[in-house]
Amino acid sequence: MKKHYFPVYTQVSQKPITCFKKLPAEVFNYPFFNDAVTLLHPTNSFRKELDLNVGSNFQNSESLNLKGFIFHTSHCGSTLLANMLGVSKKTRIVSETEAINGLLLSAVFYKLEETTLLKNLKTIISDYLEPLGETEQVIFKLTSWNIFFVELFQKAYPNVPWIFIDRKTEDVVKSLYKSGRGFVEWFYHPTTVLQDYFLGNKKENVSFEKYLTAMVEAHKSFAANADFGKNKFLEYPSFIAEFESKILPHFELTYSQDELEAAKGMVKYNAKIFPKTLYNSN
């Protein structure tokens, strides 16, 4: 089985270090990249580390086409869309990688300069564009709070299209209660650095629910004001019917009829579980 070194996570620090592991192409078939790394690559096995300020040693002369970024408030909807796009063997989905999250958190805690941040972000992304298997193109499905850095992504890749998938706030909050991951955990962080950065004077310390609501609304507000680049705003679940007519053209993708049918069929499965598991109708 062929493998290649891909970024796995970035240590949150003033001088971010990214850890790489040698992984098979199958790692991109899972709903969440880092969950797949845990399953496919033992934690104590060989890895390499890269000082992002030095640059990457893992890149080949050729790279895959970067087709787009998916931002969202809807975890369920964005994961479903990623799975729909991922039915094509030509398309690699990089889903919510901690390599990018760690870099952006470093920017929050250590106030990294934008020039450094841009260089480091492009280094990480380019390392995911390495050819392996039948893949020809790559789409990044980002962690929801990455929307606060959408301008950074656009400065790094001004010609790469992006979409934002929204959902009713109350539905998102209910989903967050169940997941308990991502920015949900920030409510219990020993410092208020993260809440201060993302909410500012809108910070809510009164209750957990008010905090979640404030964060979701901040996502929406930031996205609404980020009206630049090749963007498209969609709603979950209505975007499902727009997959062929709006989403594929926006990312400049062409899928066969069989791939389109397979994409439509993904709605029958729980988007967050691998291998595919049908929804329980009971």
C-alpha atoms as a PDB file:
ATOM      1  CA  MET A   1       0.000   0.000   0.000  1.00  0.00           C
ATOM      2  CA  LYS A   2       1.474   3.337  -1.074  1.00  0.00           C
ATOM      3  CA  LYS A   3       1.759   6.030   1.576  1.00  0.00           C
ATOM      4  CA  HIS A   4       2.854   9.644   1.816  1.00  0.00           C
ATOM      5  CA  TYR A   5       3.707  12.053   4.623  1.00  0.00           C
ATOM      6  CA  PHE A   6       0.761  14.327   5.438  1.00  0.00           C
ATOM      7  CA  PRO A   7       0.334  16.933   8.207  1.00  0.00           C
ATOM      8  CA  VAL A   8      -1.508  15.517  11.218  1.00  0.00           C
ATOM      9  CA  TYR A   9      -1.527  18.299  13.790  1.00  0.00           C
ATOM     10  CA  THR A  10       0.224  21.544  14.657  1.00  0.00           C
ATOM     11  CA  GLN A  11       1.474  22.257  18.158  1.00  0.00           C
ATOM     12  CA  VAL A  12       0.002  25.465  19.524  1.00  0.00           C
ATOM     13  CA  SER A  13       3.028  27.660  20.179  1.00  0.00           C
ATOM     14  CA  GLN A  14       4.757  30.896  19.235  1.00  0.00           C
ATOM     15  CA  LYS A  15       6.800  28.928  16.693  1.00  0.00           C
ATOM     16  CA  PRO A  16       4.336  26.302  15.434  1.00  0.00           C
ATOM     17  CA  ILE A  17       5.662  22.829  14.722  1.00  0.00           C
ATOM     18  CA  THR A  18       3.602  20.513  12.513  1.00  0.00           C
ATOM     19  CA  CYS A  19       3.693  16.754  12.948  1.00  0.00           C
ATOM     20  CA  PHE A  20       3.596  14.560   9.824  1.00  0.00           C
ATOM     21  CA  LYS A  21       2.768  10.871   9.568  1.00  0.00           C
ATOM     22  CA  LYS A  22       3.092   8.493   6.648  1.00  0.00           C
ATOM     23  CA  LEU A  23      -0.486   7.665   5.661  1.00  0.00           C
ATOM     24  CA  PRO A  24      -2.388   5.784   2.938  1.00  0.00           C
ATOM     25  CA  ALA A  25      -4.899   7.478   0.639  1.00  0.00           C
ATOM     26  CA  GLU A  26      -7.708   5.792   2.618  1.00  0.00           C
ATOM     27  CA  VAL A  27      -7.203   8.326   5.402  1.00  0.00           C
ATOM     28  CA  PHE A  28      -9.206  10.819   3.345  1.00  0.00           C
ATOM     29  CA  ASN A  29     -12.228   8.516   3.050  1.00  0.00           C
ATOM     30  CA  TYR A  30     -13.286   9.080   6.653  1.00  0.00           C
ATOM     31  CA  PRO A  31     -15.688  11.853   7.764  1.00  0.00           C
ATOM     32  CA  PHE A  32     -12.946  13.430   9.904  1.00  0.00           C
ATOM     33  CA  PHE A  33      -9.275  13.336   8.999  1.00  0.00           C
ATOM     34  CA  ASN A  34      -7.781  13.061  12.481  1.00  0.00           C
ATOM     35  CA  ASP A  35     -10.167  10.283  13.507  1.00  0.00           C
ATOM     36  CA  ALA A  36      -8.884   8.330  10.518  1.00  0.00           C
ATOM     37  CA  VAL A  37      -5.265   8.989  11.472  1.00  0.00           C
ATOM     38  CA  THR A  38      -5.914   7.480  14.899  1.00  0.00           C
ATOM     39  CA  LEU A  39      -7.453   4.370  13.361  1.00  0.00           C
ATOM     40  CA  LEU A  40      -4.993   3.855  10.515  1.00  0.00           C
ATOM     41  CA  HIS A  41      -1.745   4.927  12.143  1.00  0.00           C
ATOM     42  CA  PRO A  42      -0.645   3.802  15.644  1.00  0.00           C
ATOM     43  CA  THR A  43       0.105   6.715  17.968  1.00  0.00           C
ATOM     44  CA  ASN A  44       3.580   5.420  18.833  1.00  0.00           C
ATOM     45  CA  SER A  45       4.653   4.799  15.239  1.00  0.00           C
ATOM     46  CA  PHE A  46       7.175   6.818  13.265  1.00  0.00           C
ATOM     47  CA  ARG A  47       6.483  10.475  12.582  1.00  0.00           C
ATOM     48  CA  LYS A  48       8.321  13.578  11.445  1.00  0.00           C
ATOM     49  CA  GLU A  49       8.116  17.157  12.619  1.00  0.00           C
ATOM     50  CA  LEU A  50       8.406  20.344  10.596  1.00  0.00           C
ATOM     51  CA  ASP A  51       9.153  23.877  11.714  1.00  0.00           C
ATOM     52  CA  LEU A  52       6.647  25.792   9.593  1.00  0.00           C
ATOM     53  CA  ASN A  53       8.978  28.768   9.349  1.00  0.00           C
ATOM     54  CA  VAL A  54      11.550  26.597   7.583  1.00  0.00           C
ATOM     55  CA  GLY A  55       9.190  25.151   4.958  1.00  0.00           C
ATOM     56  CA  SER A  56       8.243  21.664   3.886  1.00  0.00           C
ATOM     57  CA  ASN A  57      10.528  18.832   2.835  1.00  0.00           C
ATOM     58  CA  PHE A  58       7.670  16.527   1.893  1.00  0.00           C
ATOM     59  CA  GLN A  59       6.424  18.135  -1.319  1.00  0.00           C
ATOM     60  CA  ASN A  60       6.903  16.753  -4.816  1.00  0.00           C
ATOM     61  CA  SER A  61       7.290  18.889  -7.911  1.00  0.00           C
ATOM     62  CA  GLU A  62       3.675  18.246  -8.908  1.00  0.00           C
ATOM     63  CA  SER A  63       0.596  18.912  -6.823  1.00  0.00           C
ATOM     64  CA  LEU A  64      -3.140  18.304  -7.080  1.00  0.00           C
ATOM     65  CA  ASN A  65      -5.638  21.026  -7.948  1.00  0.00           C
ATOM     66  CA  LEU A  66      -7.037  22.915  -4.969  1.00  0.00           C
ATOM     67  CA  LYS A  67     -10.728  23.280  -5.812  1.00  0.00           C
ATOM     68  CA  GLY A  68     -12.292  24.928  -2.797  1.00  0.00           C
ATOM     69  CA  PHE A  69     -12.969  25.473   0.889  1.00  0.00           C
ATOM     70  CA  ILE A  70     -16.119  24.596   2.835  1.00  0.00           C
ATOM     71  CA  PHE A  71     -16.960  26.797   5.834  1.00  0.00           C
ATOM     72  CA  HIS A  72     -20.067  26.252   7.925  1.00  0.00           C
ATOM     73  CA  THR A  73     -22.148  26.508  11.059  1.00  0.00           C
ATOM     74  CA  SER A  74     -23.790  23.185  10.212  1.00  0.00           C
ATOM     75  CA  HIS A  75     -21.556  20.301  11.242  1.00  0.00           C
ATOM     76  CA  CYS A  76     -24.035  17.734   9.962  1.00  0.00           C
ATOM     77  CA  GLY A  77     -24.611  19.542   6.674  1.00  0.00           C
ATOM     78  CA  SER A  78     -20.962  20.237   5.918  1.00  0.00           C
ATOM     79  CA  THR A  79     -19.990  16.641   6.681  1.00  0.00           C
ATOM     80  CA  LEU A  80     -22.775  15.386   4.424  1.00  0.00           C
ATOM     81  CA  LEU A  81     -21.582  17.661   1.612  1.00  0.00           C
ATOM     82  CA  ALA A  82     -17.996  16.483   2.088  1.00  0.00           C
ATOM     83  CA  ASN A  83     -19.171  12.884   1.836  1.00  0.00           C
ATOM     84  CA  MET A  84     -21.171  13.683  -1.301  1.00  0.00           C
ATOM     85  CA  LEU A  85     -18.141  15.292  -2.929  1.00  0.00           C
ATOM     86  CA  GLY A  86     -15.958  12.423  -1.765  1.00  0.00           C
ATOM     87  CA  VAL A  87     -17.856   9.765  -3.748  1.00  0.00           C
ATOM     88  CA  SER A  88     -15.585  10.556  -6.687  1.00  0.00           C
ATOM     89  CA  LYS A  89     -12.191   8.847  -6.590  1.00  0.00           C
ATOM     90  CA  LYS A  90     -10.848  12.006  -8.223  1.00  0.00           C
ATOM     91  CA  THR A  91     -11.717  14.179  -5.212  1.00  0.00           C
ATOM     92  CA  ARG A  92      -9.768  14.191  -1.945  1.00  0.00           C
ATOM     93  CA  ILE A  93     -11.572  15.686   1.037  1.00  0.00           C
ATOM     94  CA  VAL A  94      -9.441  17.016   3.885  1.00  0.00           C
ATOM     95  CA  SER A  95     -11.903  17.298   6.751  1.00  0.00           C
ATOM     96  CA  GLU A  96     -11.290  19.481   9.813  1.00  0.00           C
ATOM     97  CA  THR A  97      -7.584  18.762  10.135  1.00  0.00           C
ATOM     98  CA  GLU A  98      -5.890  19.649  13.411  1.00  0.00           C
ATOM     99  CA  ALA A  99      -2.865  20.774  11.409  1.00  0.00           C
ATOM    100  CA  ILE A 100      -4.783  23.886  10.351  1.00  0.00           C
ATOM    101  CA  ASN A 101      -6.634  24.242  13.661  1.00  0.00           C
ATOM    102  CA  GLY A 102      -3.391  24.217  15.649  1.00  0.00           C
ATOM    103  CA  LEU A 103      -1.898  26.920  13.454  1.00  0.00           C
ATOM    104  CA  LEU A 104      -4.942  29.182  13.784  1.00  0.00           C
ATOM    105  CA  LEU A 105      -5.080  28.665  17.548  1.00  0.00           C
ATOM    106  CA  SER A 106      -1.396  29.633  17.666  1.00  0.00           C
ATOM    107  CA  ALA A 107      -2.391  32.867  15.950  1.00  0.00           C
ATOM    108  CA  VAL A 108      -4.980  33.520  18.667  1.00  0.00           C
ATOM    109  CA  PHE A 109      -2.770  32.743  21.663  1.00  0.00           C
ATOM    110  CA  TYR A 110       0.513  34.160  20.370  1.00  0.00           C
ATOM    111  CA  LYS A 111      -0.621  36.897  17.975  1.00  0.00           C
ATOM    112  CA  LEU A 112       1.398  35.611  15.031  1.00  0.00           C
ATOM    113  CA  GLU A 113       2.119  38.147  12.302  1.00  0.00           C
ATOM    114  CA  GLU A 114      -0.078  37.825   9.244  1.00  0.00           C
ATOM    115  CA  THR A 115       2.856  37.321   6.877  1.00  0.00           C
ATOM    116  CA  THR A 116       4.059  34.389   8.992  1.00  0.00           C
ATOM    117  CA  LEU A 117       0.541  33.012   9.306  1.00  0.00           C
ATOM    118  CA  LEU A 118      -0.029  33.175   5.548  1.00  0.00           C
ATOM    119  CA  LYS A 119       3.251  31.422   4.805  1.00  0.00           C
ATOM    120  CA  ASN A 120       2.559  28.690   7.358  1.00  0.00           C
ATOM    121  CA  LEU A 121      -1.012  28.126   6.183  1.00  0.00           C
ATOM    122  CA  LYS A 122       0.121  27.730   2.584  1.00  0.00           C
ATOM    123  CA  THR A 123       2.833  25.292   3.669  1.00  0.00           C
ATOM    124  CA  ILE A 124       0.289  23.068   5.441  1.00  0.00           C
ATOM    125  CA  ILE A 125      -2.275  23.197   2.646  1.00  0.00           C
ATOM    126  CA  SER A 126       0.299  22.489  -0.054  1.00  0.00           C
ATOM    127  CA  ASP A 127       1.373  19.354   1.817  1.00  0.00           C
ATOM    128  CA  TYR A 128      -2.167  18.001   1.458  1.00  0.00           C
ATOM    129  CA  LEU A 129      -1.989  18.490  -2.311  1.00  0.00           C
ATOM    130  CA  GLU A 130       0.529  15.705  -2.804  1.00  0.00           C
ATOM    131  CA  PRO A 131      -0.530  13.067  -5.378  1.00  0.00           C
ATOM    132  CA  LEU A 132      -1.452   9.654  -3.995  1.00  0.00           C
ATOM    133  CA  GLY A 133      -3.833   7.126  -5.510  1.00  0.00           C
ATOM    134  CA  GLU A 134      -6.320   8.232  -8.171  1.00  0.00           C
ATOM    135  CA  THR A 135      -6.918  11.702  -6.741  1.00  0.00           C
ATOM    136  CA  GLU A 136      -6.783  14.720  -9.048  1.00  0.00           C
ATOM    137  CA  GLN A 137      -8.306  17.499  -6.923  1.00  0.00           C
ATOM    138  CA  VAL A 138      -8.677  18.549  -3.279  1.00  0.00           C
ATOM    139  CA  ILE A 139     -11.372  20.283  -1.238  1.00  0.00           C
ATOM    140  CA  PHE A 140     -10.923  21.330   2.381  1.00  0.00           C
ATOM    141  CA  LYS A 141     -13.866  21.045   4.761  1.00  0.00           C
ATOM    142  CA  LEU A 142     -12.818  23.265   7.630  1.00  0.00           C
ATOM    143  CA  THR A 143     -13.719  23.307  11.312  1.00  0.00           C
ATOM    144  CA  SER A 144     -16.632  25.693  11.896  1.00  0.00           C
ATOM    145  CA  TRP A 145     -14.717  28.392  13.800  1.00  0.00           C
ATOM    146  CA  ASN A 146     -12.224  28.652  10.911  1.00  0.00           C
ATOM    147  CA  ILE A 147     -14.776  31.019   9.317  1.00  0.00           C
ATOM    148  CA  PHE A 148     -13.283  33.764  11.508  1.00  0.00           C
ATOM    149  CA  PHE A 149     -10.120  33.364   9.399  1.00  0.00           C
ATOM    150  CA  VAL A 150     -11.813  33.261   6.003  1.00  0.00           C
ATOM    151  CA  GLU A 151     -10.043  36.459   4.943  1.00  0.00           C
ATOM    152  CA  LEU A 152      -6.706  34.780   5.638  1.00  0.00           C
ATOM    153  CA  PHE A 153      -7.666  31.849   3.404  1.00  0.00           C
ATOM    154  CA  GLN A 154      -8.711  34.259   0.677  1.00  0.00           C
ATOM    155  CA  LYS A 155      -5.454  36.192   0.893  1.00  0.00           C
ATOM    156  CA  ALA A 156      -3.565  32.915   0.580  1.00  0.00           C
ATOM    157  CA  TYR A 157      -5.761  31.613  -2.268  1.00  0.00           C
ATOM    158  CA  PRO A 158      -7.701  34.536  -3.804  1.00  0.00           C
ATOM    159  CA  ASN A 159      -8.860  32.544  -6.833  1.00  0.00           C
ATOM    160  CA  VAL A 160     -10.066  29.465  -4.946  1.00  0.00           C
ATOM    161  CA  PRO A 161     -13.863  29.402  -4.399  1.00  0.00           C
ATOM    162  CA  TRP A 162     -15.421  28.907  -0.984  1.00  0.00           C
ATOM    163  CA  ILE A 163     -18.885  28.228   0.338  1.00  0.00           C
ATOM    164  CA  PHE A 164     -20.586  28.768   3.676  1.00  0.00           C
ATOM    165  CA  ILE A 165     -23.254  26.313   4.818  1.00  0.00           C
ATOM    166  CA  ASP A 166     -25.660  27.768   7.359  1.00  0.00           C
ATOM    167  CA  ARG A 167     -28.410  26.262   9.498  1.00  0.00           C
ATOM    168  CA  LYS A 168     -31.021  27.575  11.927  1.00  0.00           C
ATOM    169  CA  THR A 169     -29.258  28.690  15.097  1.00  0.00           C
ATOM    170  CA  GLU A 170     -31.462  26.674  17.443  1.00  0.00           C
ATOM    171  CA  ASP A 171     -30.807  23.502  15.429  1.00  0.00           C
ATOM    172  CA  VAL A 172     -27.054  24.097  15.512  1.00  0.00           C
ATOM    173  CA  VAL A 173     -27.104  24.667  19.275  1.00  0.00           C
ATOM    174  CA  LYS A 174     -29.018  21.419  19.811  1.00  0.00           C
ATOM    175  CA  SER A 175     -26.442  19.574  17.709  1.00  0.00           C
ATOM    176  CA  LEU A 176     -23.558  21.163  19.635  1.00  0.00           C
ATOM    177  CA  TYR A 177     -25.048  19.982  22.914  1.00  0.00           C
ATOM    178  CA  LYS A 178     -24.752  16.425  21.609  1.00  0.00           C
ATOM    179  CA  SER A 179     -21.246  16.694  20.147  1.00  0.00           C
ATOM    180  CA  GLY A 180     -19.357  18.452  22.922  1.00  0.00           C
ATOM    181  CA  ARG A 181     -16.379  19.051  20.624  1.00  0.00           C
ATOM    182  CA  GLY A 182     -14.605  21.981  19.005  1.00  0.00           C
ATOM    183  CA  PHE A 183     -15.467  25.418  20.335  1.00  0.00           C
ATOM    184  CA  VAL A 184     -18.000  23.804  22.690  1.00  0.00           C
ATOM    185  CA  GLU A 185     -15.033  22.915  24.919  1.00  0.00           C
ATOM    186  CA  TRP A 186     -13.840  26.522  25.025  1.00  0.00           C
ATOM    187  CA  PHE A 187     -16.582  27.363  27.516  1.00  0.00           C
ATOM    188  CA  TYR A 188     -14.638  25.330  30.080  1.00  0.00           C
ATOM    189  CA  HIS A 189     -11.175  26.585  29.105  1.00  0.00           C
ATOM    190  CA  PRO A 190      -9.194  27.817  32.140  1.00  0.00           C
ATOM    191  CA  THR A 191      -8.617  31.201  30.481  1.00  0.00           C
ATOM    192  CA  THR A 192     -11.000  33.455  28.553  1.00  0.00           C
ATOM    193  CA  VAL A 193      -8.547  34.079  25.700  1.00  0.00           C
ATOM    194  CA  LEU A 194     -10.612  32.161  23.134  1.00  0.00           C
ATOM    195  CA  GLN A 195     -13.953  33.646  24.144  1.00  0.00           C
ATOM    196  CA  ASP A 196     -12.421  37.132  24.243  1.00  0.00           C
ATOM    197  CA  TYR A 197     -10.955  36.697  20.760  1.00  0.00           C
ATOM    198  CA  PHE A 198     -14.039  35.329  19.019  1.00  0.00           C
ATOM    199  CA  LEU A 199     -16.822  37.086  20.935  1.00  0.00           C
ATOM    200  CA  GLY A 200     -15.215  40.260  22.278  1.00  0.00           C
ATOM    201  CA  ASN A 201     -17.773  42.384  24.089  1.00  0.00           C
ATOM    202  CA  LYS A 202     -20.504  39.931  23.043  1.00  0.00           C
ATOM    203  CA  LYS A 203     -19.035  37.305  25.344  1.00  0.00           C
ATOM    204  CA  GLU A 204     -21.669  35.447  27.338  1.00  0.00           C
ATOM    205  CA  ASN A 205     -20.678  33.999  30.702  1.00  0.00           C
ATOM    206  CA  VAL A 206     -24.210  33.584  31.987  1.00  0.00           C
ATOM    207  CA  SER A 207     -24.906  30.089  30.728  1.00  0.00           C
ATOM    208  CA  PHE A 208     -23.562  27.377  28.471  1.00  0.00           C
ATOM    209  CA  GLU A 209     -26.528  27.695  26.099  1.00  0.00           C
ATOM    210  CA  LYS A 210     -26.096  31.463  25.764  1.00  0.00           C
ATOM    211  CA  TYR A 211     -22.414  30.958  25.021  1.00  0.00           C
ATOM    212  CA  LEU A 212     -23.181  28.449  22.250  1.00  0.00           C
ATOM    213  CA  THR A 213     -25.854  30.726  20.792  1.00  0.00           C
ATOM    214  CA  ALA A 214     -23.493  33.709  20.840  1.00  0.00           C
ATOM    215  CA  MET A 215     -20.770  31.711  19.083  1.00  0.00           C
ATOM    216  CA  VAL A 216     -23.112  30.434  16.368  1.00  0.00           C
ATOM    217  CA  GLU A 217     -24.464  33.938  15.773  1.00  0.00           C
ATOM    218  CA  ALA A 218     -20.893  35.246  15.601  1.00  0.00           C
ATOM    219  CA  HIS A 219     -20.130  32.632  12.920  1.00  0.00           C
ATOM    220  CA  LYS A 220     -23.109  33.814  10.888  1.00  0.00           C
ATOM    221  CA  SER A 221     -22.340  37.503  11.328  1.00  0.00           C
ATOM    222  CA  PHE A 222     -18.702  37.103  10.344  1.00  0.00           C
ATOM    223  CA  ALA A 223     -19.610  35.080   7.265  1.00  0.00           C
ATOM    224  CA  ALA A 224     -22.224  37.638   6.205  1.00  0.00           C
ATOM    225  CA  ASN A 225     -19.611  40.400   6.334  1.00  0.00           C
ATOM    226  CA  ALA A 226     -17.038  38.345   4.419  1.00  0.00           C
ATOM    227  CA  ASP A 227     -18.507  39.173   1.037  1.00  0.00           C
ATOM    228  CA  PHE A 228     -15.361  38.766  -1.030  1.00  0.00           C
ATOM    229  CA  GLY A 229     -13.780  36.230  -3.322  1.00  0.00           C
ATOM    230  CA  LYS A 230     -15.651  33.492  -5.134  1.00  0.00           C
ATOM    231  CA  ASN A 231     -18.196  32.747  -2.434  1.00  0.00           C
ATOM    232  CA  LYS A 232     -21.567  31.050  -2.239  1.00  0.00           C
ATOM    233  CA  PHE A 233     -23.919  30.899   0.743  1.00  0.00           C
ATOM    234  CA  LEU A 234     -26.092  27.813   1.194  1.00  0.00           C
ATOM    235  CA  GLU A 235     -28.543  26.440   3.749  1.00  0.00           C
ATOM    236  CA  TYR A 236     -28.789  22.971   5.239  1.00  0.00           C
ATOM    237  CA  PRO A 237     -30.701  20.870   4.274  1.00  0.00           C
ATOM    238  CA  SER A 238     -31.877  22.712   1.131  1.00  0.00           C
ATOM    239  CA  PHE A 239     -28.390  22.638  -0.436  1.00  0.00           C
ATOM    240  CA  ILE A 240     -28.784  18.901  -1.060  1.00  0.00           C
ATOM    241  CA  ALA A 241     -31.051  19.629  -4.019  1.00  0.00           C
ATOM    242  CA  GLU A 242     -28.486  22.139  -5.330  1.00  0.00           C
ATOM    243  CA  PHE A 243     -25.518  19.772  -5.414  1.00  0.00           C
ATOM    244  CA  GLU A 244     -25.459  19.329  -9.181  1.00  0.00           C
ATOM    245  CA  SER A 245     -26.843  22.709 -10.232  1.00  0.00           C
ATOM    246  CA  LYS A 246     -24.893  25.049  -7.923  1.00  0.00           C
ATOM    247  CA  ILE A 247     -22.208  23.352  -5.837  1.00  0.00           C
ATOM    248  CA  LEU A 248     -20.343  21.377  -8.499  1.00  0.00           C
ATOM    249  CA  PRO A 249     -20.220  24.342 -10.935  1.00  0.00           C
ATOM    250  CA  HIS A 250     -19.066  26.640  -8.132  1.00  0.00           C
ATOM    251  CA  PHE A 251     -16.092  24.368  -7.431  1.00  0.00           C
ATOM    252  CA  GLU A 252     -15.603  23.780 -11.169  1.00  0.00           C
ATOM    253  CA  LEU A 253     -16.149  20.047 -10.751  1.00  0.00           C
ATOM    254  CA  THR A 254     -17.631  17.577 -13.211  1.00  0.00           C
ATOM    255  CA  TYR A 255     -19.070  14.299 -11.939  1.00  0.00           C
ATOM    256  CA  SER A 256     -20.305  11.329 -13.945  1.00  0.00           C
ATOM    257  CA  GLN A 257     -23.915  10.185 -13.751  1.00  0.00           C
ATOM    258  CA  ASP A 258     -22.878   7.279 -11.527  1.00  0.00           C
ATOM    259  CA  GLU A 259     -21.053   9.667  -9.198  1.00  0.00           C
ATOM    260  CA  LEU A 260     -24.085  11.950  -9.056  1.00  0.00           C
ATOM    261  CA  GLU A 261     -26.307   9.033  -8.106  1.00  0.00           C
ATOM    262  CA  ALA A 262     -23.817   7.939  -5.453  1.00  0.00           C
ATOM    263  CA  ALA A 263     -23.709  11.482  -4.069  1.00  0.00           C
ATOM    264  CA  LYS A 264     -27.499  11.651  -3.814  1.00  0.00           C
ATOM    265  CA  GLY A 265     -27.460   8.291  -2.063  1.00  0.00           C
ATOM    266  CA  MET A 266     -25.284   9.650   0.752  1.00  0.00           C
ATOM    267  CA  VAL A 267     -28.329  11.297   2.365  1.00  0.00           C
ATOM    268  CA  LYS A 268     -29.460   7.832   3.485  1.00  0.00           C
ATOM    269  CA  TYR A 269     -26.441   7.447   5.747  1.00  0.00           C
ATOM    270  CA  ASN A 270     -25.261   8.993   8.986  1.00  0.00           C
ATOM    271  CA  ALA A 271     -22.684  11.467   7.669  1.00  0.00           C
ATOM    272  CA  LYS A 272     -20.430  11.290  10.730  1.00  0.00           C
ATOM    273  CA  ILE A 273     -19.992   7.513  10.895  1.00  0.00           C
ATOM    274  CA  PHE A 274     -17.524   5.338   8.969  1.00  0.00           C
ATOM    275  CA  PRO A 275     -18.070   2.857   7.468  1.00  0.00           C
ATOM    276  CA  LYS A 276     -21.377   4.046   6.037  1.00  0.00           C
ATOM    277  CA  THR A 277     -24.283   3.345   8.369  1.00  0.00           C
ATOM    278  CA  LEU A 278     -27.915   3.790   7.382  1.00  0.00           C
ATOM    279  CA  TYR A 279     -30.041   6.091   9.499  1.00  0.00           C
ATOM    280  CA  ASN A 280     -32.259   4.198  11.900  1.00  0.00           C
ATOM    281  CA  SER A 281     -35.829   4.859  10.814  1.00  0.00           C
ATOM    282  CA  ASN A 282     -37.176   3.934  14.255  1.00  0.00           C
END
